[in-house]
């Protein structure tokens, strides 16, 4: 008997710096995400302001015990050591097991090419962040958490402009790498 739906998506697969973030959201089966979070959708298509609004609302719902979510980060070092695919999988599996330790009664919906541990009932949906509200919400919590972290890292590593491009390979970021070299939060394997 399915009681919980878990949505999973990641943010920050492609940047040259910073971690990858895996968002995992667990909601009761009949929870109406679109009603609770008006405007929820693919995080890449929402404004930063709208993503922040939805994230703050998610925190309120979590404090009230109506939903649960977590974000698992995979560091630049982990990405360089294990590769992006394994690093993302570790985040997906640990996030699901944190929110739904027992597989019974759980259905996991994942975006793109992501997979849950084999004991879970699961469905991987291409562009699920645009079509499944629970995956959209997971993508939003992952993106907001990662963006906030990149703004913190911008204070530690002020030469790179992380607060502007969030670690993605913009021209300005590439020029900064040429000028200052790579920092400890850069993915060395992505910067060659």
N, C-alpha and C. Protein backbone atom coordinates (compact mmCIF):
# COMPACT_ATOMS: atom_id res chain seq x y z
N UNK A 1 0.85 -1.20 0.00
CA UNK A 1 0.00 0.00 0.00
C UNK A 1 0.88 1.25 0.00
N UNK A 2 0.79 2.02 -1.05
CA UNK A 2 1.63 3.21 -1.18
C UNK A 2 1.12 4.34 -0.31
N UNK A 3 2.02 4.86 0.54
CA UNK A 3 1.63 5.93 1.46
C UNK A 3 2.43 7.21 1.23
N UNK A 4 3.66 7.05 0.75
CA UNK A 4 4.55 8.21 0.61
C UNK A 4 5.07 8.28 -0.83
N UNK A 5 5.11 9.50 -1.36
CA UNK A 5 5.74 9.74 -2.66
C UNK A 5 7.00 10.55 -2.41
N UNK A 6 8.09 10.10 -3.00
CA UNK A 6 9.37 10.78 -2.86
C UNK A 6 9.78 11.29 -4.24
N UNK A 7 10.13 12.57 -4.33
CA UNK A 7 10.63 13.16 -5.57
C UNK A 7 12.11 13.45 -5.45
N UNK A 8 12.85 13.21 -6.53
CA UNK A 8 14.31 13.39 -6.50
C UNK A 8 14.77 14.11 -7.76
N UNK A 9 15.63 15.11 -7.57
CA UNK A 9 16.29 15.77 -8.70
C UNK A 9 17.60 16.35 -8.21
N UNK A 10 18.48 16.68 -9.15
CA UNK A 10 19.75 17.28 -8.76
C UNK A 10 19.93 18.63 -9.43
N UNK A 11 20.81 19.43 -8.84
CA UNK A 11 21.17 20.74 -9.40
C UNK A 11 22.68 20.85 -9.36
N UNK A 12 23.23 21.45 -10.40
CA UNK A 12 24.67 21.70 -10.38
C UNK A 12 25.50 20.55 -10.91
N UNK A 13 24.99 19.83 -11.91
CA UNK A 13 25.77 18.75 -12.51
C UNK A 13 26.90 19.32 -13.37
N UNK A 14 26.66 20.45 -14.02
CA UNK A 14 27.60 20.95 -15.02
C UNK A 14 28.63 22.00 -14.61
N UNK A 15 28.49 22.67 -13.45
CA UNK A 15 29.43 23.75 -13.12
C UNK A 15 30.88 23.30 -13.00
N UNK A 16 31.78 24.27 -13.08
CA UNK A 16 33.21 24.02 -12.92
C UNK A 16 33.61 24.06 -11.44
N UNK A 17 32.76 24.62 -10.59
CA UNK A 17 33.10 24.77 -9.18
C UNK A 17 31.88 24.48 -8.31
N UNK A 18 32.17 24.10 -7.07
CA UNK A 18 31.12 23.84 -6.10
C UNK A 18 30.59 22.42 -6.18
N UNK A 19 29.73 22.08 -5.23
CA UNK A 19 29.21 20.72 -5.17
C UNK A 19 28.05 20.51 -6.14
N UNK A 20 27.69 19.25 -6.33
CA UNK A 20 26.42 18.92 -6.94
C UNK A 20 25.44 18.76 -5.78
N UNK A 21 24.20 19.16 -5.97
CA UNK A 21 23.19 19.09 -4.91
C UNK A 21 22.06 18.16 -5.34
N UNK A 22 21.70 17.23 -4.48
CA UNK A 22 20.58 16.32 -4.76
C UNK A 22 19.45 16.68 -3.80
N UNK A 23 18.31 17.07 -4.37
CA UNK A 23 17.13 17.39 -3.56
C UNK A 23 16.22 16.18 -3.50
N UNK A 24 15.76 15.86 -2.29
CA UNK A 24 14.84 14.74 -2.08
C UNK A 24 13.68 15.26 -1.24
N UNK A 25 12.46 15.07 -1.75
CA UNK A 25 11.25 15.55 -1.08
C UNK A 25 10.32 14.37 -0.85
N UNK A 26 9.80 14.23 0.37
CA UNK A 26 8.83 13.18 0.69
C UNK A 26 7.51 13.82 1.10
N UNK A 27 6.42 13.37 0.45
CA UNK A 27 5.09 13.90 0.76
C UNK A 27 4.11 12.73 0.91
N UNK A 28 3.04 12.91 1.71
CA UNK A 28 2.00 11.89 1.76
C UNK A 28 1.40 11.72 0.36
N UNK A 29 0.95 10.52 0.06
CA UNK A 29 0.46 10.20 -1.29
C UNK A 29 -0.55 11.20 -1.83
N UNK A 30 -1.50 11.65 -1.01
CA UNK A 30 -2.56 12.54 -1.50
C UNK A 30 -2.28 14.02 -1.32
N UNK A 31 -1.04 14.38 -0.98
CA UNK A 31 -0.67 15.78 -0.75
C UNK A 31 -0.69 16.53 -2.09
N UNK A 32 -1.39 17.66 -2.12
CA UNK A 32 -1.51 18.44 -3.36
C UNK A 32 -0.41 19.50 -3.42
N UNK A 33 0.67 19.17 -4.12
CA UNK A 33 1.83 20.07 -4.18
C UNK A 33 1.49 21.36 -4.92
N UNK A 34 0.73 21.26 -6.01
CA UNK A 34 0.42 22.47 -6.79
C UNK A 34 -0.42 23.46 -5.98
N UNK A 35 -1.26 22.93 -5.11
CA UNK A 35 -2.08 23.80 -4.26
C UNK A 35 -1.22 24.42 -3.15
N UNK A 36 -0.34 23.62 -2.57
CA UNK A 36 0.52 24.09 -1.47
C UNK A 36 1.60 25.05 -1.96
N UNK A 37 2.05 24.85 -3.20
CA UNK A 37 3.15 25.65 -3.75
C UNK A 37 2.75 26.19 -5.12
N UNK A 38 1.90 27.24 -5.14
CA UNK A 38 1.48 27.79 -6.43
C UNK A 38 2.68 28.21 -7.27
N UNK A 39 2.65 27.84 -8.55
CA UNK A 39 3.75 28.22 -9.45
C UNK A 39 4.90 27.24 -9.47
N UNK A 40 4.79 26.14 -8.71
CA UNK A 40 5.86 25.15 -8.70
C UNK A 40 6.07 24.63 -10.12
N UNK A 41 7.33 24.46 -10.50
CA UNK A 41 7.66 23.98 -11.84
C UNK A 41 9.15 23.75 -11.94
N UNK A 42 9.61 23.52 -13.15
CA UNK A 42 11.03 23.29 -13.40
C UNK A 42 11.84 24.47 -12.84
N UNK A 43 12.76 24.17 -11.92
CA UNK A 43 13.50 25.24 -11.23
C UNK A 43 14.26 26.13 -12.21
N UNK A 44 14.69 25.57 -13.33
CA UNK A 44 15.47 26.35 -14.30
C UNK A 44 14.61 27.43 -14.98
N UNK A 45 13.29 27.21 -14.99
CA UNK A 45 12.40 28.17 -15.67
C UNK A 45 11.82 29.21 -14.71
N UNK A 46 12.04 29.03 -13.41
CA UNK A 46 11.51 29.98 -12.42
C UNK A 46 12.54 31.06 -12.13
N UNK A 47 12.07 32.21 -11.72
CA UNK A 47 13.00 33.26 -11.31
C UNK A 47 13.61 32.88 -9.96
N UNK A 48 14.74 33.49 -9.65
CA UNK A 48 15.38 33.24 -8.36
C UNK A 48 14.42 33.61 -7.22
N UNK A 49 13.70 34.70 -7.39
CA UNK A 49 12.75 35.16 -6.37
C UNK A 49 11.65 34.11 -6.14
N UNK A 50 11.12 33.55 -7.22
CA UNK A 50 10.06 32.55 -7.11
C UNK A 50 10.58 31.27 -6.45
N UNK A 51 11.80 30.86 -6.83
CA UNK A 51 12.40 29.65 -6.20
C UNK A 51 12.56 29.87 -4.70
N UNK A 52 13.05 31.06 -4.31
CA UNK A 52 13.22 31.37 -2.89
C UNK A 52 11.88 31.35 -2.15
N UNK A 53 10.85 31.90 -2.77
CA UNK A 53 9.49 31.90 -2.18
C UNK A 53 9.02 30.47 -1.91
N UNK A 54 9.16 29.62 -2.91
CA UNK A 54 8.71 28.22 -2.79
C UNK A 54 9.55 27.50 -1.73
N UNK A 55 10.86 27.78 -1.70
CA UNK A 55 11.73 27.15 -0.71
C UNK A 55 11.32 27.54 0.72
N UNK A 56 11.03 28.82 0.91
CA UNK A 56 10.60 29.29 2.24
C UNK A 56 9.29 28.62 2.65
N UNK A 57 8.38 28.47 1.69
CA UNK A 57 7.11 27.78 1.94
C UNK A 57 7.37 26.31 2.31
N UNK A 58 8.32 25.68 1.63
CA UNK A 58 8.67 24.28 1.91
C UNK A 58 9.20 24.14 3.35
N UNK A 59 9.97 25.13 3.80
CA UNK A 59 10.47 25.09 5.18
C UNK A 59 9.31 25.15 6.17
N UNK A 60 8.32 26.00 5.87
CA UNK A 60 7.14 26.12 6.75
C UNK A 60 6.38 24.79 6.81
N UNK A 61 6.17 24.17 5.66
CA UNK A 61 5.48 22.87 5.61
C UNK A 61 6.29 21.78 6.33
N UNK A 62 7.61 21.84 6.21
CA UNK A 62 8.45 20.85 6.89
C UNK A 62 8.36 21.03 8.40
N UNK A 63 8.43 22.28 8.85
CA UNK A 63 8.32 22.53 10.30
C UNK A 63 6.97 22.06 10.84
N UNK A 64 5.93 22.17 10.01
CA UNK A 64 4.59 21.74 10.42
C UNK A 64 4.41 20.22 10.32
N UNK A 65 5.43 19.53 9.80
CA UNK A 65 5.36 18.07 9.69
C UNK A 65 4.50 17.58 8.52
N UNK A 66 4.20 18.47 7.57
CA UNK A 66 3.34 18.07 6.44
C UNK A 66 4.14 17.45 5.30
N UNK A 67 5.38 17.89 5.13
CA UNK A 67 6.27 17.29 4.14
C UNK A 67 7.65 17.15 4.80
N UNK A 68 8.55 16.45 4.11
CA UNK A 68 9.93 16.42 4.58
C UNK A 68 10.83 16.54 3.36
N UNK A 69 11.99 17.14 3.54
CA UNK A 69 12.95 17.18 2.44
C UNK A 69 14.36 17.30 2.98
N UNK A 70 15.31 16.93 2.15
CA UNK A 70 16.72 17.13 2.48
C UNK A 70 17.48 17.38 1.20
N UNK A 71 18.66 17.95 1.35
CA UNK A 71 19.55 18.17 0.21
C UNK A 71 20.89 17.55 0.57
N UNK A 72 21.38 16.69 -0.31
CA UNK A 72 22.68 16.03 -0.11
C UNK A 72 23.67 16.64 -1.11
N UNK A 73 24.80 17.09 -0.58
CA UNK A 73 25.83 17.69 -1.43
C UNK A 73 26.94 16.68 -1.72
N UNK A 74 27.40 16.68 -2.96
CA UNK A 74 28.59 15.91 -3.33
C UNK A 74 29.66 16.92 -3.70
N UNK A 75 30.76 16.92 -2.96
CA UNK A 75 31.79 17.96 -3.09
C UNK A 75 32.54 17.85 -4.42
N UNK A 76 33.23 18.95 -4.75
CA UNK A 76 34.09 18.96 -5.94
C UNK A 76 35.13 17.85 -5.84
N UNK A 77 35.65 17.64 -4.64
CA UNK A 77 36.67 16.59 -4.44
C UNK A 77 36.07 15.21 -4.72
N UNK A 78 34.85 14.98 -4.21
CA UNK A 78 34.18 13.69 -4.47
C UNK A 78 33.94 13.50 -5.97
N UNK A 79 33.55 14.58 -6.65
CA UNK A 79 33.33 14.51 -8.10
C UNK A 79 34.63 14.17 -8.83
N UNK A 80 35.73 14.82 -8.41
CA UNK A 80 37.03 14.53 -9.04
C UNK A 80 37.50 13.11 -8.75
N UNK A 81 37.18 12.59 -7.58
CA UNK A 81 37.64 11.26 -7.19
C UNK A 81 36.78 10.16 -7.80
N UNK A 82 35.45 10.30 -7.71
CA UNK A 82 34.54 9.21 -8.10
C UNK A 82 33.81 9.44 -9.41
N UNK A 83 33.84 10.68 -9.90
CA UNK A 83 33.05 11.02 -11.09
C UNK A 83 31.69 11.56 -10.70
N UNK A 84 31.09 12.32 -11.59
CA UNK A 84 29.81 12.98 -11.30
C UNK A 84 28.68 11.97 -11.11
N UNK A 85 28.65 10.92 -11.93
CA UNK A 85 27.54 9.96 -11.88
C UNK A 85 27.49 9.24 -10.53
N UNK A 86 28.64 8.75 -10.07
CA UNK A 86 28.67 8.04 -8.77
C UNK A 86 28.37 9.00 -7.62
N UNK A 87 28.90 10.21 -7.72
CA UNK A 87 28.68 11.20 -6.66
C UNK A 87 27.20 11.54 -6.55
N UNK A 88 26.53 11.73 -7.69
CA UNK A 88 25.09 12.01 -7.68
C UNK A 88 24.34 10.80 -7.12
N UNK A 89 24.69 9.60 -7.55
CA UNK A 89 24.00 8.40 -7.06
C UNK A 89 24.10 8.28 -5.54
N UNK A 90 25.30 8.54 -5.00
CA UNK A 90 25.46 8.49 -3.53
C UNK A 90 24.49 9.45 -2.85
N UNK A 91 24.37 10.67 -3.41
CA UNK A 91 23.46 11.66 -2.85
C UNK A 91 22.01 11.22 -2.94
N UNK A 92 21.63 10.65 -4.10
CA UNK A 92 20.26 10.17 -4.30
C UNK A 92 19.94 9.08 -3.28
N UNK A 93 20.80 8.08 -3.19
CA UNK A 93 20.53 6.94 -2.30
C UNK A 93 20.50 7.35 -0.84
N UNK A 94 21.46 8.19 -0.42
CA UNK A 94 21.49 8.57 1.01
C UNK A 94 20.30 9.47 1.35
N UNK A 95 19.89 10.35 0.41
CA UNK A 95 18.72 11.21 0.65
C UNK A 95 17.43 10.42 0.77
N UNK A 96 17.24 9.44 -0.13
CA UNK A 96 16.03 8.60 -0.07
C UNK A 96 16.01 7.80 1.22
N UNK A 97 17.14 7.21 1.58
CA UNK A 97 17.18 6.37 2.80
C UNK A 97 16.99 7.22 4.07
N UNK A 98 17.40 8.49 4.00
CA UNK A 98 17.19 9.37 5.15
C UNK A 98 15.70 9.66 5.35
N UNK A 99 14.99 9.96 4.25
CA UNK A 99 13.58 10.36 4.37
C UNK A 99 12.62 9.17 4.39
N UNK A 100 13.02 8.07 3.78
CA UNK A 100 12.16 6.88 3.71
C UNK A 100 13.02 5.64 3.95
N UNK A 101 13.41 5.42 5.23
CA UNK A 101 14.34 4.33 5.52
C UNK A 101 13.82 2.94 5.12
N UNK A 102 12.49 2.79 5.15
CA UNK A 102 11.91 1.51 4.74
C UNK A 102 11.24 1.70 3.38
N UNK A 103 11.48 0.76 2.48
CA UNK A 103 10.98 0.89 1.10
C UNK A 103 9.48 0.60 1.00
N UNK A 104 8.93 -0.13 1.95
CA UNK A 104 7.51 -0.50 1.88
C UNK A 104 6.63 0.75 1.92
N UNK A 105 5.67 0.82 1.00
CA UNK A 105 4.73 1.94 0.98
C UNK A 105 5.27 3.21 0.36
N UNK A 106 6.44 3.13 -0.27
CA UNK A 106 7.08 4.31 -0.84
C UNK A 106 7.16 4.18 -2.35
N UNK A 107 6.83 5.26 -3.06
CA UNK A 107 7.03 5.31 -4.52
C UNK A 107 7.98 6.47 -4.78
N UNK A 108 9.07 6.21 -5.47
CA UNK A 108 10.07 7.23 -5.74
C UNK A 108 9.97 7.65 -7.20
N UNK A 109 9.84 8.96 -7.43
CA UNK A 109 9.82 9.53 -8.78
C UNK A 109 11.11 10.32 -8.97
N UNK A 110 11.87 9.99 -10.00
CA UNK A 110 13.19 10.59 -10.21
C UNK A 110 13.27 11.25 -11.58
N UNK A 111 14.03 12.33 -11.64
CA UNK A 111 14.20 13.04 -12.90
C UNK A 111 15.32 12.43 -13.73
N UNK A 112 15.15 12.51 -15.04
CA UNK A 112 16.23 12.22 -15.98
C UNK A 112 16.73 10.80 -15.97
N UNK A 113 17.97 10.62 -15.57
CA UNK A 113 18.60 9.31 -15.60
C UNK A 113 18.89 8.80 -14.18
N UNK A 114 18.24 9.38 -13.19
CA UNK A 114 18.50 9.00 -11.80
C UNK A 114 17.75 7.72 -11.44
N UNK A 115 18.33 6.96 -10.49
CA UNK A 115 17.69 5.73 -10.01
C UNK A 115 17.78 5.66 -8.50
N UNK A 116 16.73 5.10 -7.90
CA UNK A 116 16.71 4.86 -6.45
C UNK A 116 17.35 3.50 -6.17
N UNK A 117 17.64 3.22 -4.89
CA UNK A 117 18.10 1.86 -4.56
C UNK A 117 17.07 0.85 -5.07
N UNK A 118 17.53 -0.35 -5.48
CA UNK A 118 16.65 -1.29 -6.17
C UNK A 118 15.44 -1.78 -5.37
N UNK A 119 15.51 -1.70 -4.04
CA UNK A 119 14.38 -2.21 -3.23
C UNK A 119 13.17 -1.28 -3.25
N UNK A 120 13.31 -0.07 -3.78
CA UNK A 120 12.20 0.89 -3.80
C UNK A 120 11.41 0.79 -5.09
N UNK A 121 10.07 0.94 -4.98
CA UNK A 121 9.23 1.12 -6.18
C UNK A 121 9.61 2.48 -6.75
N UNK A 122 9.91 2.54 -8.04
CA UNK A 122 10.44 3.79 -8.59
C UNK A 122 10.09 3.96 -10.05
N UNK A 123 10.10 5.23 -10.46
CA UNK A 123 9.89 5.57 -11.86
C UNK A 123 10.81 6.73 -12.20
N UNK A 124 11.60 6.54 -13.25
CA UNK A 124 12.47 7.61 -13.73
C UNK A 124 11.76 8.29 -14.90
N UNK A 125 11.64 9.60 -14.85
CA UNK A 125 10.86 10.35 -15.83
C UNK A 125 11.75 11.40 -16.49
N UNK A 126 11.92 11.27 -17.80
CA UNK A 126 12.70 12.28 -18.55
C UNK A 126 11.95 13.62 -18.45
N UNK A 127 12.68 14.67 -18.10
CA UNK A 127 12.11 16.00 -17.87
C UNK A 127 11.01 15.97 -16.80
N UNK A 128 11.19 15.11 -15.82
CA UNK A 128 10.23 14.99 -14.72
C UNK A 128 10.13 16.27 -13.91
N UNK A 129 11.21 17.08 -13.92
CA UNK A 129 11.17 18.34 -13.17
C UNK A 129 10.15 19.30 -13.76
N UNK A 130 9.76 19.08 -15.02
CA UNK A 130 8.75 19.94 -15.64
C UNK A 130 7.35 19.35 -15.53
N UNK A 131 7.24 18.01 -15.38
CA UNK A 131 5.92 17.37 -15.44
C UNK A 131 5.40 16.84 -14.10
N UNK A 132 6.28 16.56 -13.16
CA UNK A 132 5.88 15.98 -11.87
C UNK A 132 6.14 16.98 -10.75
N UNK A 133 5.09 17.51 -10.10
CA UNK A 133 5.30 18.53 -9.07
C UNK A 133 6.26 18.12 -7.95
N UNK A 134 6.25 16.85 -7.55
CA UNK A 134 7.13 16.44 -6.45
C UNK A 134 8.60 16.48 -6.89
N UNK A 135 8.85 16.20 -8.18
CA UNK A 135 10.22 16.31 -8.70
C UNK A 135 10.58 17.79 -8.85
N UNK A 136 9.63 18.60 -9.31
CA UNK A 136 9.86 20.06 -9.41
C UNK A 136 10.28 20.63 -8.06
N UNK A 137 9.57 20.22 -7.01
CA UNK A 137 9.88 20.72 -5.67
C UNK A 137 11.28 20.27 -5.25
N UNK A 138 11.64 19.03 -5.58
CA UNK A 138 12.99 18.53 -5.27
C UNK A 138 14.04 19.34 -6.02
N UNK A 139 13.75 19.69 -7.27
CA UNK A 139 14.71 20.46 -8.05
C UNK A 139 14.87 21.87 -7.47
N UNK A 140 13.79 22.43 -6.97
CA UNK A 140 13.83 23.78 -6.37
C UNK A 140 14.64 23.78 -5.07
N UNK A 141 14.39 22.80 -4.18
CA UNK A 141 15.14 22.80 -2.91
C UNK A 141 16.63 22.53 -3.18
N UNK A 142 16.93 21.72 -4.19
CA UNK A 142 18.34 21.47 -4.54
C UNK A 142 18.99 22.74 -5.07
N UNK A 143 18.30 23.42 -5.98
CA UNK A 143 18.88 24.62 -6.62
C UNK A 143 19.05 25.76 -5.62
N UNK A 144 18.03 26.01 -4.80
CA UNK A 144 18.14 27.11 -3.83
C UNK A 144 19.26 26.81 -2.82
N UNK A 145 19.32 25.58 -2.34
CA UNK A 145 20.36 25.22 -1.36
C UNK A 145 21.75 25.38 -1.97
N UNK A 146 21.90 24.94 -3.22
CA UNK A 146 23.21 25.05 -3.88
C UNK A 146 23.56 26.51 -4.14
N UNK A 147 22.60 27.29 -4.64
CA UNK A 147 22.86 28.71 -4.92
C UNK A 147 23.27 29.45 -3.64
N UNK A 148 22.58 29.16 -2.53
CA UNK A 148 22.93 29.81 -1.26
C UNK A 148 24.35 29.44 -0.84
N UNK A 149 24.70 28.15 -1.02
CA UNK A 149 26.05 27.71 -0.67
C UNK A 149 27.10 28.40 -1.54
N UNK A 150 26.81 28.54 -2.84
CA UNK A 150 27.77 29.21 -3.73
C UNK A 150 27.96 30.67 -3.35
N UNK A 151 26.91 31.32 -2.85
CA UNK A 151 27.05 32.71 -2.38
C UNK A 151 27.93 32.78 -1.13
N UNK A 152 27.84 31.76 -0.26
CA UNK A 152 28.74 31.69 0.90
C UNK A 152 30.18 31.47 0.44
N UNK A 153 30.36 30.55 -0.52
CA UNK A 153 31.71 30.27 -1.03
C UNK A 153 32.31 31.50 -1.72
N UNK A 154 31.45 32.36 -2.28
CA UNK A 154 31.93 33.58 -2.94
C UNK A 154 32.67 34.48 -1.95
N UNK A 155 32.25 34.45 -0.68
CA UNK A 155 32.92 35.27 0.35
C UNK A 155 34.29 34.68 0.68
N UNK A 156 34.40 33.34 0.67
CA UNK A 156 35.68 32.68 0.95
C UNK A 156 36.65 32.78 -0.22
N UNK A 157 36.10 32.77 -1.43
CA UNK A 157 36.91 32.78 -2.65
C UNK A 157 36.44 33.95 -3.54
N UNK A 158 36.76 35.19 -3.12
CA UNK A 158 36.16 36.36 -3.77
C UNK A 158 36.63 36.61 -5.21
N UNK A 159 37.68 35.96 -5.66
CA UNK A 159 38.22 36.24 -6.99
C UNK A 159 37.39 35.67 -8.14
N UNK A 160 36.43 34.78 -7.84
CA UNK A 160 35.80 34.01 -8.92
C UNK A 160 34.39 34.45 -9.31
N UNK A 161 33.72 35.24 -8.46
CA UNK A 161 32.37 35.69 -8.80
C UNK A 161 31.31 34.61 -8.68
N UNK A 162 31.49 33.66 -7.73
CA UNK A 162 30.51 32.58 -7.56
C UNK A 162 29.10 33.09 -7.30
N UNK A 163 29.01 34.26 -6.64
CA UNK A 163 27.68 34.80 -6.32
C UNK A 163 26.91 35.16 -7.59
N UNK A 164 27.63 35.38 -8.70
CA UNK A 164 26.99 35.75 -9.96
C UNK A 164 26.64 34.51 -10.78
N UNK A 165 27.64 33.65 -11.03
CA UNK A 165 27.42 32.53 -11.97
C UNK A 165 27.25 31.18 -11.28
N UNK A 166 27.35 31.16 -9.94
CA UNK A 166 27.14 29.94 -9.14
C UNK A 166 28.07 28.78 -9.54
N UNK A 167 29.22 29.13 -10.12
CA UNK A 167 30.21 28.10 -10.45
C UNK A 167 30.13 27.60 -11.88
N UNK A 168 29.11 28.03 -12.63
CA UNK A 168 29.01 27.60 -14.03
C UNK A 168 30.13 28.23 -14.86
N UNK A 169 30.41 27.63 -16.00
CA UNK A 169 31.56 28.01 -16.82
C UNK A 169 31.34 29.22 -17.71
N UNK A 170 30.95 30.34 -17.12
CA UNK A 170 30.77 31.58 -17.89
C UNK A 170 32.14 32.09 -18.35
N UNK A 171 32.13 33.02 -19.28
CA UNK A 171 33.40 33.62 -19.74
C UNK A 171 34.14 34.27 -18.57
N UNK A 172 33.40 35.01 -17.75
CA UNK A 172 34.02 35.70 -16.60
C UNK A 172 34.66 34.68 -15.66
N UNK A 173 33.98 33.57 -15.43
CA UNK A 173 34.52 32.53 -14.55
C UNK A 173 35.77 31.90 -15.17
N UNK A 174 35.73 31.64 -16.45
CA UNK A 174 36.90 31.04 -17.12
C UNK A 174 38.10 32.00 -17.09
N UNK A 175 37.83 33.30 -17.26
CA UNK A 175 38.92 34.29 -17.16
C UNK A 175 39.50 34.31 -15.75
N UNK A 176 38.64 34.19 -14.74
CA UNK A 176 39.11 34.17 -13.34
C UNK A 176 39.99 32.96 -13.09
N UNK A 177 39.62 31.81 -13.66
CA UNK A 177 40.43 30.59 -13.49
C UNK A 177 41.80 30.79 -14.17
N UNK A 178 41.78 31.39 -15.37
CA UNK A 178 43.05 31.65 -16.08
C UNK A 178 43.94 32.57 -15.24
N UNK A 179 43.32 33.55 -14.59
CA UNK A 179 44.09 34.54 -13.83
C UNK A 179 44.55 34.03 -12.47
N UNK A 180 43.64 33.31 -11.76
CA UNK A 180 43.93 32.93 -10.36
C UNK A 180 44.17 31.43 -10.16
N UNK A 181 44.00 30.65 -11.22
CA UNK A 181 44.12 29.19 -11.06
C UNK A 181 42.85 28.62 -10.46
N UNK A 182 42.87 27.32 -10.18
CA UNK A 182 41.68 26.69 -9.59
C UNK A 182 41.78 26.74 -8.06
N UNK A 183 40.63 26.84 -7.42
CA UNK A 183 40.57 26.84 -5.94
C UNK A 183 40.26 25.44 -5.47
N UNK A 184 40.23 25.26 -4.17
CA UNK A 184 39.92 23.92 -3.62
C UNK A 184 38.46 23.52 -3.86
N UNK A 185 37.59 24.46 -4.23
CA UNK A 185 36.20 24.10 -4.52
C UNK A 185 35.93 23.94 -6.01
N UNK A 186 36.98 24.03 -6.83
CA UNK A 186 36.83 23.76 -8.26
C UNK A 186 36.90 22.26 -8.52
N UNK A 187 36.16 21.83 -9.54
CA UNK A 187 36.24 20.45 -9.99
C UNK A 187 37.38 20.39 -11.00
N UNK A 188 38.51 19.91 -10.54
CA UNK A 188 39.71 19.93 -11.40
C UNK A 188 39.47 19.19 -12.71
N UNK A 189 38.72 18.09 -12.63
CA UNK A 189 38.47 17.28 -13.84
C UNK A 189 37.55 18.02 -14.82
N UNK A 190 36.85 19.06 -14.38
CA UNK A 190 35.97 19.83 -15.27
C UNK A 190 36.68 21.05 -15.84
N UNK A 191 37.85 21.39 -15.28
CA UNK A 191 38.50 22.67 -15.60
C UNK A 191 39.62 22.55 -16.63
N UNK A 192 39.79 21.38 -17.24
CA UNK A 192 40.89 21.25 -18.21
C UNK A 192 40.43 21.52 -19.61
